[in-house]
């Protein structure tokens, strides 16, 4: 983050705040745990209307989805992206049955 001259809680800039999204998308729960403390209001953190939960669901990251929900992202379950789709719909459309069943 320092090498990109941005603060860790800047989310509107490319490269700033994206580390959480990469961790959620890739199922890197341990990295997510480490980064979590650097960001304000994680449950509503969005880039282009997409939440961390959207990313984890779309990629079938069940353990990441569980961790996010257990750590305050339950409010994100109803948030919709810029096309009006919830994280659950992202999982269903991508054939991520384990996420949908959980």
PDB file of N, CA and C in Angstrom:
ATOM      1  N   UNK A   1       0.818  -1.200   0.000  1.00  0.00           N
ATOM      2  CA  UNK A   1       0.000   0.000   0.000  1.00  0.00           C
ATOM      3  C   UNK A   1       0.852   1.250   0.000  1.00  0.00           C
ATOM      4  N   UNK A   2       1.932   1.225   0.792  1.00  0.00           N
ATOM      5  CA  UNK A   2       2.789   2.398   0.856  1.00  0.00           C
ATOM      6  C   UNK A   2       3.439   2.705  -0.480  1.00  0.00           C
ATOM      7  N   UNK A   3       3.811   1.664  -1.221  1.00  0.00           N
ATOM      8  CA  UNK A   3       4.490   1.882  -2.490  1.00  0.00           C
ATOM      9  C   UNK A   3       3.582   2.515  -3.537  1.00  0.00           C
ATOM     10  N   UNK A   4       2.286   2.436  -3.333  1.00  0.00           N
ATOM     11  CA  UNK A   4       1.341   3.017  -4.274  1.00  0.00           C
ATOM     12  C   UNK A   4       0.891   4.410  -3.832  1.00  0.00           C
ATOM     13  N   UNK A   5       1.470   4.924  -2.756  1.00  0.00           N
ATOM     14  CA  UNK A   5       1.124   6.242  -2.241  1.00  0.00           C
ATOM     15  C   UNK A   5      -0.369   6.411  -1.992  1.00  0.00           C
ATOM     16  N   UNK A   6      -0.953   5.431  -1.344  1.00  0.00           N
ATOM     17  CA  UNK A   6      -2.367   5.538  -0.998  1.00  0.00           C
ATOM     18  C   UNK A   6      -2.578   5.005   0.405  1.00  0.00           C
ATOM     19  N   UNK A   7      -3.661   5.438   0.994  1.00  0.00           N
ATOM     20  CA  UNK A   7      -4.024   4.974   2.317  1.00  0.00           C
ATOM     21  C   UNK A   7      -4.806   3.679   2.186  1.00  0.00           C
ATOM     22  N   UNK A   8      -4.689   2.779   3.157  1.00  0.00           N
ATOM     23  CA  UNK A   8      -5.358   1.487   3.027  1.00  0.00           C
ATOM     24  C   UNK A   8      -6.875   1.550   2.990  1.00  0.00           C
ATOM     25  N   UNK A   9      -7.475   2.636   3.485  1.00  0.00           N
ATOM     26  CA  UNK A   9      -8.940   2.699   3.465  1.00  0.00           C
ATOM     27  C   UNK A   9      -9.480   3.518   2.306  1.00  0.00           C
ATOM     28  N   UNK A  10      -8.632   3.894   1.363  1.00  0.00           N
ATOM     29  CA  UNK A  10      -9.120   4.534   0.157  1.00  0.00           C
ATOM     30  C   UNK A  10      -9.656   3.451  -0.759  1.00  0.00           C
ATOM     31  N   UNK A  11     -10.897   3.590  -1.165  1.00  0.00           N
ATOM     32  CA  UNK A  11     -11.494   2.526  -1.966  1.00  0.00           C
ATOM     33  C   UNK A  11     -11.871   2.969  -3.362  1.00  0.00           C
ATOM     34  N   UNK A  12     -11.903   4.228  -3.630  1.00  0.00           N
ATOM     35  CA  UNK A  12     -12.326   4.687  -4.934  1.00  0.00           C
ATOM     36  C   UNK A  12     -11.216   4.713  -5.965  1.00  0.00           C
ATOM     37  N   UNK A  13     -10.007   4.600  -5.539  1.00  0.00           N
ATOM     38  CA  UNK A  13      -8.866   4.666  -6.436  1.00  0.00           C
ATOM     39  C   UNK A  13      -8.451   3.266  -6.855  1.00  0.00           C
ATOM     40  N   UNK A  14      -8.038   3.114  -8.094  1.00  0.00           N
ATOM     41  CA  UNK A  14      -7.528   1.818  -8.543  1.00  0.00           C
ATOM     42  C   UNK A  14      -6.251   1.517  -7.771  1.00  0.00           C
ATOM     43  N   UNK A  15      -6.172   0.335  -7.217  1.00  0.00           N
ATOM     44  CA  UNK A  15      -4.994  -0.069  -6.461  1.00  0.00           C
ATOM     45  C   UNK A  15      -5.083   0.241  -4.980  1.00  0.00           C
ATOM     46  N   UNK A  16      -6.024   1.060  -4.579  1.00  0.00           N
ATOM     47  CA  UNK A  16      -6.164   1.420  -3.176  1.00  0.00           C
ATOM     48  C   UNK A  16      -7.385   0.713  -2.598  1.00  0.00           C
ATOM     49  N   UNK A  17      -7.162  -0.082  -1.577  1.00  0.00           N
ATOM     50  CA  UNK A  17      -8.251  -0.804  -0.949  1.00  0.00           C
ATOM     51  C   UNK A  17      -8.614  -2.091  -1.666  1.00  0.00           C
ATOM     52  N   UNK A  18      -7.961  -2.369  -2.758  1.00  0.00           N
ATOM     53  CA  UNK A  18      -8.300  -3.556  -3.542  1.00  0.00           C
ATOM     54  C   UNK A  18      -7.764  -4.840  -2.919  1.00  0.00           C
ATOM     55  N   UNK A  19      -6.813  -4.729  -2.013  1.00  0.00           N
ATOM     56  CA  UNK A  19      -6.238  -5.926  -1.405  1.00  0.00           C
ATOM     57  C   UNK A  19      -7.296  -6.772  -0.698  1.00  0.00           C
ATOM     58  N   UNK A  20      -8.277  -6.135  -0.071  1.00  0.00           N
ATOM     59  CA  UNK A  20      -9.372  -6.873   0.560  1.00  0.00           C
ATOM     60  C   UNK A  20     -10.178  -7.644  -0.479  1.00  0.00           C
ATOM     61  N   UNK A  21     -10.402  -7.036  -1.615  1.00  0.00           N
ATOM     62  CA  UNK A  21     -11.180  -7.683  -2.664  1.00  0.00           C
ATOM     63  C   UNK A  21     -10.428  -8.863  -3.271  1.00  0.00           C
ATOM     64  N   UNK A  22      -9.132  -8.717  -3.444  1.00  0.00           N
ATOM     65  CA  UNK A  22      -8.330  -9.838  -3.941  1.00  0.00           C
ATOM     66  C   UNK A  22      -8.350 -10.991  -2.943  1.00  0.00           C
ATOM     67  N   UNK A  23      -8.238 -10.678  -1.665  1.00  0.00           N
ATOM     68  CA  UNK A  23      -8.255 -11.714  -0.632  1.00  0.00           C
ATOM     69  C   UNK A  23      -9.608 -12.424  -0.597  1.00  0.00           C
ATOM     70  N   UNK A  24     -10.693 -11.674  -0.672  1.00  0.00           N
ATOM     71  CA  UNK A  24     -12.035 -12.265  -0.647  1.00  0.00           C
ATOM     72  C   UNK A  24     -12.281 -13.121  -1.885  1.00  0.00           C
ATOM     73  N   UNK A  25     -11.885 -12.615  -3.037  1.00  0.00           N
ATOM     74  CA  UNK A  25     -12.099 -13.350  -4.289  1.00  0.00           C
ATOM     75  C   UNK A  25     -11.307 -14.645  -4.346  1.00  0.00           C
ATOM     76  N   UNK A  26     -10.101 -14.601  -3.789  1.00  0.00           N
ATOM     77  CA  UNK A  26      -9.233 -15.766  -3.855  1.00  0.00           C
ATOM     78  C   UNK A  26      -9.374 -16.730  -2.704  1.00  0.00           C
ATOM     79  N   UNK A  27     -10.227 -16.404  -1.748  1.00  0.00           N
ATOM     80  CA  UNK A  27     -10.427 -17.291  -0.606  1.00  0.00           C
ATOM     81  C   UNK A  27      -9.287 -17.271   0.389  1.00  0.00           C
ATOM     82  N   UNK A  28      -8.579 -16.162   0.447  1.00  0.00           N
ATOM     83  CA  UNK A  28      -7.437 -16.029   1.352  1.00  0.00           C
ATOM     84  C   UNK A  28      -7.896 -15.437   2.689  1.00  0.00           C
ATOM     85  N   UNK A  29      -8.512 -16.279   3.502  1.00  0.00           N
ATOM     86  CA  UNK A  29      -9.117 -15.825   4.760  1.00  0.00           C
ATOM     87  C   UNK A  29      -8.060 -15.245   5.699  1.00  0.00           C
ATOM     88  N   UNK A  30      -6.900 -15.861   5.768  1.00  0.00           N
ATOM     89  CA  UNK A  30      -5.856 -15.355   6.678  1.00  0.00           C
ATOM     90  C   UNK A  30      -5.415 -13.951   6.261  1.00  0.00           C
ATOM     91  N   UNK A  31      -5.264 -13.707   4.972  1.00  0.00           N
ATOM     92  CA  UNK A  31      -4.914 -12.365   4.489  1.00  0.00           C
ATOM     93  C   UNK A  31      -6.045 -11.389   4.783  1.00  0.00           C
ATOM     94  N   UNK A  32      -7.266 -11.844   4.590  1.00  0.00           N
ATOM     95  CA  UNK A  32      -8.433 -11.018   4.868  1.00  0.00           C
ATOM     96  C   UNK A  32      -8.455 -10.593   6.335  1.00  0.00           C
ATOM     97  N   UNK A  33      -8.152 -11.537   7.222  1.00  0.00           N
ATOM     98  CA  UNK A  33      -8.123 -11.226   8.656  1.00  0.00           C
ATOM     99  C   UNK A  33      -7.084 -10.146   8.962  1.00  0.00           C
ATOM    100  N   UNK A  34      -5.924 -10.238   8.344  1.00  0.00           N
ATOM    101  CA  UNK A  34      -4.866  -9.254   8.583  1.00  0.00           C
ATOM    102  C   UNK A  34      -5.231  -7.877   8.041  1.00  0.00           C
ATOM    103  N   UNK A  35      -5.849  -7.840   6.887  1.00  0.00           N
ATOM    104  CA  UNK A  35      -6.207  -6.571   6.256  1.00  0.00           C
ATOM    105  C   UNK A  35      -7.437  -5.918   6.876  1.00  0.00           C
ATOM    106  N   UNK A  36      -8.295  -6.720   7.461  1.00  0.00           N
ATOM    107  CA  UNK A  36      -9.588  -6.266   7.991  1.00  0.00           C
ATOM    108  C   UNK A  36      -9.450  -5.058   8.905  1.00  0.00           C
ATOM    109  N   UNK A  37      -8.443  -5.046   9.762  1.00  0.00           N
ATOM    110  CA  UNK A  37      -8.290  -3.969  10.748  1.00  0.00           C
ATOM    111  C   UNK A  37      -7.933  -2.623  10.118  1.00  0.00           C
ATOM    112  N   UNK A  38      -7.456  -2.624   8.889  1.00  0.00           N
ATOM    113  CA  UNK A  38      -7.022  -1.380   8.253  1.00  0.00           C
ATOM    114  C   UNK A  38      -8.141  -0.615   7.571  1.00  0.00           C
ATOM    115  N   UNK A  39      -9.297  -1.213   7.473  1.00  0.00           N
ATOM    116  CA  UNK A  39     -10.368  -0.592   6.711  1.00  0.00           C
ATOM    117  C   UNK A  39     -11.531  -0.195   7.600  1.00  0.00           C
ATOM    118  N   UNK A  40     -12.057   0.988   7.366  1.00  0.00           N
ATOM    119  CA  UNK A  40     -13.219   1.477   8.093  1.00  0.00           C
ATOM    120  C   UNK A  40     -14.484   0.923   7.443  1.00  0.00           C
ATOM    121  N   UNK A  41     -15.459   0.583   8.281  1.00  0.00           N
ATOM    122  CA  UNK A  41     -16.785   0.187   7.821  1.00  0.00           C
ATOM    123  C   UNK A  41     -16.743  -0.922   6.775  1.00  0.00           C
ATOM    124  N   UNK A  42     -16.059  -2.015   7.121  1.00  0.00           N
ATOM    125  CA  UNK A  42     -15.867  -3.113   6.191  1.00  0.00           C
ATOM    126  C   UNK A  42     -17.171  -3.698   5.659  1.00  0.00           C
ATOM    127  N   UNK A  43     -18.215  -3.664   6.465  1.00  0.00           N
ATOM    128  CA  UNK A  43     -19.466  -4.301   6.035  1.00  0.00           C
ATOM    129  C   UNK A  43     -20.101  -3.578   4.852  1.00  0.00           C
ATOM    130  N   UNK A  44     -19.727  -2.354   4.619  1.00  0.00           N
ATOM    131  CA  UNK A  44     -20.313  -1.595   3.517  1.00  0.00           C
ATOM    132  C   UNK A  44     -19.277  -1.237   2.456  1.00  0.00           C
ATOM    133  N   UNK A  45     -18.085  -1.720   2.602  1.00  0.00           N
ATOM    134  CA  UNK A  45     -17.021  -1.416   1.657  1.00  0.00           C
ATOM    135  C   UNK A  45     -17.411  -1.903   0.266  1.00  0.00           C
ATOM    136  N   UNK A  46     -17.436  -0.974  -0.664  1.00  0.00           N
ATOM    137  CA  UNK A  46     -17.831  -1.307  -2.025  1.00  0.00           C
ATOM    138  C   UNK A  46     -16.925  -0.603  -3.022  1.00  0.00           C
ATOM    139  N   UNK A  47     -16.685  -1.269  -4.115  1.00  0.00           N
ATOM    140  CA  UNK A  47     -16.029  -0.659  -5.261  1.00  0.00           C
ATOM    141  C   UNK A  47     -16.934  -0.945  -6.439  1.00  0.00           C
ATOM    142  N   UNK A  48     -17.395   0.096  -7.097  1.00  0.00           N
ATOM    143  CA  UNK A  48     -18.331  -0.045  -8.220  1.00  0.00           C
ATOM    144  C   UNK A  48     -19.587  -0.815  -7.829  1.00  0.00           C
ATOM    145  N   UNK A  49     -20.027  -0.648  -6.587  1.00  0.00           N
ATOM    146  CA  UNK A  49     -21.238  -1.304  -6.117  1.00  0.00           C
ATOM    147  C   UNK A  49     -21.065  -2.759  -5.740  1.00  0.00           C
ATOM    148  N   UNK A  50     -19.845  -3.246  -5.752  1.00  0.00           N
ATOM    149  CA  UNK A  50     -19.577  -4.657  -5.453  1.00  0.00           C
ATOM    150  C   UNK A  50     -18.954  -4.753  -4.055  1.00  0.00           C
ATOM    151  N   UNK A  51     -19.486  -5.670  -3.247  1.00  0.00           N
ATOM    152  CA  UNK A  51     -18.976  -5.856  -1.886  1.00  0.00           C
ATOM    153  C   UNK A  51     -17.989  -7.022  -1.834  1.00  0.00           C
ATOM    154  N   UNK A  52     -17.317  -7.143  -0.712  1.00  0.00           N
ATOM    155  CA  UNK A  52     -16.430  -8.289  -0.478  1.00  0.00           C
ATOM    156  C   UNK A  52     -17.221  -9.584  -0.561  1.00  0.00           C
ATOM    157  N   UNK A  53     -18.431  -9.556  -0.057  1.00  0.00           N
ATOM    158  CA  UNK A  53     -19.279 -10.743  -0.079  1.00  0.00           C
ATOM    159  C   UNK A  53     -19.630 -11.138  -1.515  1.00  0.00           C
ATOM    160  N   UNK A  54     -19.885 -10.172  -2.370  1.00  0.00           N
ATOM    161  CA  UNK A  54     -20.129 -10.466  -3.781  1.00  0.00           C
ATOM    162  C   UNK A  54     -18.941 -11.232  -4.373  1.00  0.00           C
ATOM    163  N   UNK A  55     -17.740 -10.747  -4.110  1.00  0.00           N
ATOM    164  CA  UNK A  55     -16.532 -11.361  -4.671  1.00  0.00           C
ATOM    165  C   UNK A  55     -16.346 -12.788  -4.173  1.00  0.00           C
ATOM    166  N   UNK A  56     -16.505 -12.989  -2.878  1.00  0.00           N
ATOM    167  CA  UNK A  56     -16.334 -14.323  -2.301  1.00  0.00           C
ATOM    168  C   UNK A  56     -17.397 -15.285  -2.828  1.00  0.00           C
ATOM    169  N   UNK A  57     -18.643 -14.835  -2.906  1.00  0.00           N
ATOM    170  CA  UNK A  57     -19.732 -15.685  -3.405  1.00  0.00           C
ATOM    171  C   UNK A  57     -19.530 -16.051  -4.866  1.00  0.00           C
ATOM    172  N   UNK A  58     -19.169 -15.086  -5.674  1.00  0.00           N
ATOM    173  CA  UNK A  58     -18.991 -15.316  -7.112  1.00  0.00           C
ATOM    174  C   UNK A  58     -17.912 -16.353  -7.390  1.00  0.00           C
ATOM    175  N   UNK A  59     -16.926 -16.418  -6.514  1.00  0.00           N
ATOM    176  CA  UNK A  59     -15.810 -17.328  -6.716  1.00  0.00           C
ATOM    177  C   UNK A  59     -15.924 -18.613  -5.901  1.00  0.00           C
ATOM    178  N   UNK A  60     -17.059 -18.807  -5.248  1.00  0.00           N
ATOM    179  CA  UNK A  60     -17.299 -20.046  -4.515  1.00  0.00           C
ATOM    180  C   UNK A  60     -16.445 -20.233  -3.280  1.00  0.00           C
ATOM    181  N   UNK A  61     -16.056 -19.160  -2.655  1.00  0.00           N
ATOM    182  CA  UNK A  61     -15.182 -19.209  -1.483  1.00  0.00           C
ATOM    183  C   UNK A  61     -16.016 -19.345  -0.208  1.00  0.00           C
ATOM    184  N   UNK A  62     -16.466 -20.558   0.058  1.00  0.00           N
ATOM    185  CA  UNK A  62     -17.379 -20.810   1.181  1.00  0.00           C
ATOM    186  C   UNK A  62     -16.793 -20.352   2.510  1.00  0.00           C
ATOM    187  N   UNK A  63     -15.543 -20.704   2.780  1.00  0.00           N
ATOM    188  CA  UNK A  63     -14.938 -20.330   4.066  1.00  0.00           C
ATOM    189  C   UNK A  63     -14.824 -18.808   4.203  1.00  0.00           C
ATOM    190  N   UNK A  64     -14.544 -18.141   3.107  1.00  0.00           N
ATOM    191  CA  UNK A  64     -14.463 -16.679   3.134  1.00  0.00           C
ATOM    192  C   UNK A  64     -15.843 -16.078   3.355  1.00  0.00           C
ATOM    193  N   UNK A  65     -16.853 -16.620   2.683  1.00  0.00           N
ATOM    194  CA  UNK A  65     -18.231 -16.153   2.874  1.00  0.00           C
ATOM    195  C   UNK A  65     -18.628 -16.321   4.341  1.00  0.00           C
ATOM    196  N   UNK A  66     -18.339 -17.481   4.912  1.00  0.00           N
ATOM    197  CA  UNK A  66     -18.670 -17.727   6.315  1.00  0.00           C
ATOM    198  C   UNK A  66     -17.963 -16.731   7.225  1.00  0.00           C
ATOM    199  N   UNK A  67     -16.683 -16.493   6.962  1.00  0.00           N
ATOM    200  CA  UNK A  67     -15.917 -15.567   7.796  1.00  0.00           C
ATOM    201  C   UNK A  67     -16.483 -14.153   7.690  1.00  0.00           C
ATOM    202  N   UNK A  68     -16.792 -13.724   6.484  1.00  0.00           N
ATOM    203  CA  UNK A  68     -17.345 -12.377   6.294  1.00  0.00           C
ATOM    204  C   UNK A  68     -18.677 -12.213   7.016  1.00  0.00           C
ATOM    205  N   UNK A  69     -19.542 -13.206   6.900  1.00  0.00           N
ATOM    206  CA  UNK A  69     -20.851 -13.128   7.567  1.00  0.00           C
ATOM    207  C   UNK A  69     -20.674 -13.130   9.084  1.00  0.00           C
ATOM    208  N   UNK A  70     -19.766 -13.952   9.593  1.00  0.00           N
ATOM    209  CA  UNK A  70     -19.520 -14.017  11.037  1.00  0.00           C
ATOM    210  C   UNK A  70     -18.891 -12.744  11.572  1.00  0.00           C
ATOM    211  N   UNK A  71     -18.232 -11.978  10.720  1.00  0.00           N
ATOM    212  CA  UNK A  71     -17.542 -10.773  11.169  1.00  0.00           C
ATOM    213  C   UNK A  71     -18.206  -9.487  10.695  1.00  0.00           C
ATOM    214  N   UNK A  72     -19.501  -9.542  10.522  1.00  0.00           N
ATOM    215  CA  UNK A  72     -20.236  -8.304  10.324  1.00  0.00           C
ATOM    216  C   UNK A  72     -20.715  -8.005   8.926  1.00  0.00           C
ATOM    217  N   UNK A  73     -20.531  -8.903   7.983  1.00  0.00           N
ATOM    218  CA  UNK A  73     -21.011  -8.622   6.634  1.00  0.00           C
ATOM    219  C   UNK A  73     -22.432  -9.111   6.398  1.00  0.00           C
ATOM    220  N   UNK A  74     -23.142  -9.430   7.461  1.00  0.00           N
ATOM    221  CA  UNK A  74     -24.515  -9.902   7.275  1.00  0.00           C
ATOM    222  C   UNK A  74     -25.369  -8.828   6.607  1.00  0.00           C
ATOM    223  N   UNK A  75     -25.082  -7.571   6.880  1.00  0.00           N
ATOM    224  CA  UNK A  75     -25.816  -6.490   6.222  1.00  0.00           C
ATOM    225  C   UNK A  75     -25.583  -6.465   4.728  1.00  0.00           C
ATOM    226  N   UNK A  76     -24.474  -7.023   4.291  1.00  0.00           N
ATOM    227  CA  UNK A  76     -24.146  -7.045   2.868  1.00  0.00           C
ATOM    228  C   UNK A  76     -24.952  -8.075   2.096  1.00  0.00           C
ATOM    229  N   UNK A  77     -25.585  -9.008   2.787  1.00  0.00           N
ATOM    230  CA  UNK A  77     -26.309 -10.056   2.078  1.00  0.00           C
ATOM    231  C   UNK A  77     -27.453  -9.488   1.248  1.00  0.00           C
ATOM    232  N   UNK A  78     -27.965  -8.354   1.622  1.00  0.00           N
ATOM    233  CA  UNK A  78     -29.064  -7.739   0.885  1.00  0.00           C
ATOM    234  C   UNK A  78     -28.618  -6.616  -0.038  1.00  0.00           C
ATOM    235  N   UNK A  79     -27.342  -6.211   0.070  1.00  0.00           N
ATOM    236  CA  UNK A  79     -26.845  -5.144  -0.793  1.00  0.00           C
ATOM    237  C   UNK A  79     -26.766  -5.634  -2.225  1.00  0.00           C
ATOM    238  N   UNK A  80     -27.093  -4.753  -3.147  1.00  0.00           N
ATOM    239  CA  UNK A  80     -27.090  -5.100  -4.558  1.00  0.00           C
ATOM    240  C   UNK A  80     -25.978  -4.352  -5.287  1.00  0.00           C
ATOM    241  N   UNK A  81     -25.447  -4.994  -6.305  1.00  0.00           N
ATOM    242  CA  UNK A  81     -24.418  -4.359  -7.116  1.00  0.00           C
ATOM    243  C   UNK A  81     -25.054  -3.336  -8.052  1.00  0.00           C
ATOM    244  N   UNK A  82     -24.269  -2.763  -8.937  1.00  0.00           N
ATOM    245  CA  UNK A  82     -24.756  -1.729  -9.834  1.00  0.00           C
ATOM    246  C   UNK A  82     -25.811  -2.254 -10.821  1.00  0.00           C
ATOM    247  N   UNK A  83     -25.949  -3.588 -10.950  1.00  0.00           N
ATOM    248  CA  UNK A  83     -26.967  -4.184 -11.812  1.00  0.00           C
ATOM    249  C   UNK A  83     -28.157  -4.725 -11.015  1.00  0.00           C
ATOM    250  N   UNK A  84     -28.153  -4.481  -9.700  1.00  0.00           N
ATOM    251  CA  UNK A  84     -29.258  -4.916  -8.854  1.00  0.00           C
ATOM    252  C   UNK A  84     -29.168  -6.361  -8.392  1.00  0.00           C
ATOM    253  N   UNK A  85     -27.982  -6.960  -8.453  1.00  0.00           N
ATOM    254  CA  UNK A  85     -27.807  -8.366  -8.071  1.00  0.00           C
ATOM    255  C   UNK A  85     -27.176  -8.482  -6.678  1.00  0.00           C
ATOM    256  N   UNK A  86     -27.712  -9.402  -5.881  1.00  0.00           N
ATOM    257  CA  UNK A  86     -27.152  -9.659  -4.551  1.00  0.00           C
ATOM    258  C   UNK A  86     -25.978 -10.632  -4.669  1.00  0.00           C
ATOM    259  N   UNK A  87     -25.240 -10.790  -3.584  1.00  0.00           N
ATOM    260  CA  UNK A  87     -24.116 -11.734  -3.550  1.00  0.00           C
ATOM    261  C   UNK A  87     -24.605 -13.168  -3.765  1.00  0.00           C
ATOM    262  N   UNK A  88     -25.753 -13.510  -3.217  1.00  0.00           N
ATOM    263  CA  UNK A  88     -26.314 -14.848  -3.400  1.00  0.00           C
ATOM    264  C   UNK A  88     -26.616 -15.122  -4.879  1.00  0.00           C
ATOM    265  N   UNK A  89     -27.127 -14.130  -5.567  1.00  0.00           N
ATOM    266  CA  UNK A  89     -27.401 -14.293  -6.988  1.00  0.00           C
ATOM    267  C   UNK A  89     -26.106 -14.489  -7.778  1.00  0.00           C
ATOM    268  N   UNK A  90     -25.043 -13.784  -7.371  1.00  0.00           N
ATOM    269  CA  UNK A  90     -23.741 -13.973  -8.020  1.00  0.00           C
ATOM    270  C   UNK A  90     -23.300 -15.429  -7.872  1.00  0.00           C
ATOM    271  N   UNK A  91     -23.453 -15.975  -6.677  1.00  0.00           N
ATOM    272  CA  UNK A  91     -23.063 -17.366  -6.435  1.00  0.00           C
ATOM    273  C   UNK A  91     -23.892 -18.320  -7.295  1.00  0.00           C
ATOM    274  N   UNK A  92     -25.190 -18.103  -7.318  1.00  0.00           N
ATOM    275  CA  UNK A  92     -26.085 -18.979  -8.087  1.00  0.00           C
ATOM    276  C   UNK A  92     -25.774 -18.915  -9.578  1.00  0.00           C
ATOM    277  N   UNK A  93     -25.576 -17.732 -10.096  1.00  0.00           N
ATOM    278  CA  UNK A  93     -25.289 -17.573 -11.526  1.00  0.00           C
ATOM    279  C   UNK A  93     -23.961 -18.180 -11.932  1.00  0.00           C
ATOM    280  N   UNK A  94     -23.032 -18.254 -11.002  1.00  0.00           N
ATOM    281  CA  UNK A  94     -21.719 -18.832 -11.295  1.00  0.00           C
ATOM    282  C   UNK A  94     -21.653 -20.314 -10.937  1.00  0.00           C
ATOM    283  N   UNK A  95     -22.793 -20.889 -10.563  1.00  0.00           N
ATOM    284  CA  UNK A  95     -22.828 -22.318 -10.256  1.00  0.00           C
ATOM    285  C   UNK A  95     -22.098 -22.697  -8.979  1.00  0.00           C
ATOM    286  N   UNK A  96     -22.055 -21.801  -8.025  1.00  0.00           N
ATOM    287  CA  UNK A  96     -21.355 -22.036  -6.753  1.00  0.00           C
ATOM    288  C   UNK A  96     -22.322 -22.626  -5.739  1.00  0.00           C
ATOM    289  N   UNK A  97     -22.727 -23.859  -5.971  1.00  0.00           N
ATOM    290  CA  UNK A  97     -23.746 -24.534  -5.149  1.00  0.00           C
ATOM    291  C   UNK A  97     -23.390 -24.573  -3.677  1.00  0.00           C
ATOM    292  N   UNK A  98     -22.146 -24.892  -3.274  1.00  0.00           N
ATOM    293  CA  UNK A  98     -21.841 -24.918  -1.841  1.00  0.00           C
ATOM    294  C   UNK A  98     -22.113 -23.572  -1.150  1.00  0.00           C
ATOM    295  N   UNK A  99     -21.852 -22.481  -1.823  1.00  0.00           N
ATOM    296  CA  UNK A  99     -22.126 -21.152  -1.250  1.00  0.00           C
ATOM    297  C   UNK A  99     -23.635 -20.946  -1.137  1.00  0.00           C
ATOM    298  N   UNK A 100     -24.359 -21.300  -2.187  1.00  0.00           N
ATOM    299  CA  UNK A 100     -25.816 -21.131  -2.183  1.00  0.00           C
ATOM    300  C   UNK A 100     -26.445 -21.982  -1.083  1.00  0.00           C
ATOM    301  N   UNK A 101     -25.976 -23.216  -0.928  1.00  0.00           N
ATOM    302  CA  UNK A 101     -26.537 -24.109   0.090  1.00  0.00           C
ATOM    303  C   UNK A 101     -26.210 -23.639   1.502  1.00  0.00           C
ATOM    304  N   UNK A 102     -25.052 -23.000   1.688  1.00  0.00           N
ATOM    305  CA  UNK A 102     -24.699 -22.549   3.021  1.00  0.00           C
ATOM    306  C   UNK A 102     -25.627 -21.438   3.430  1.00  0.00           C
TER     307      UNK A 102
END
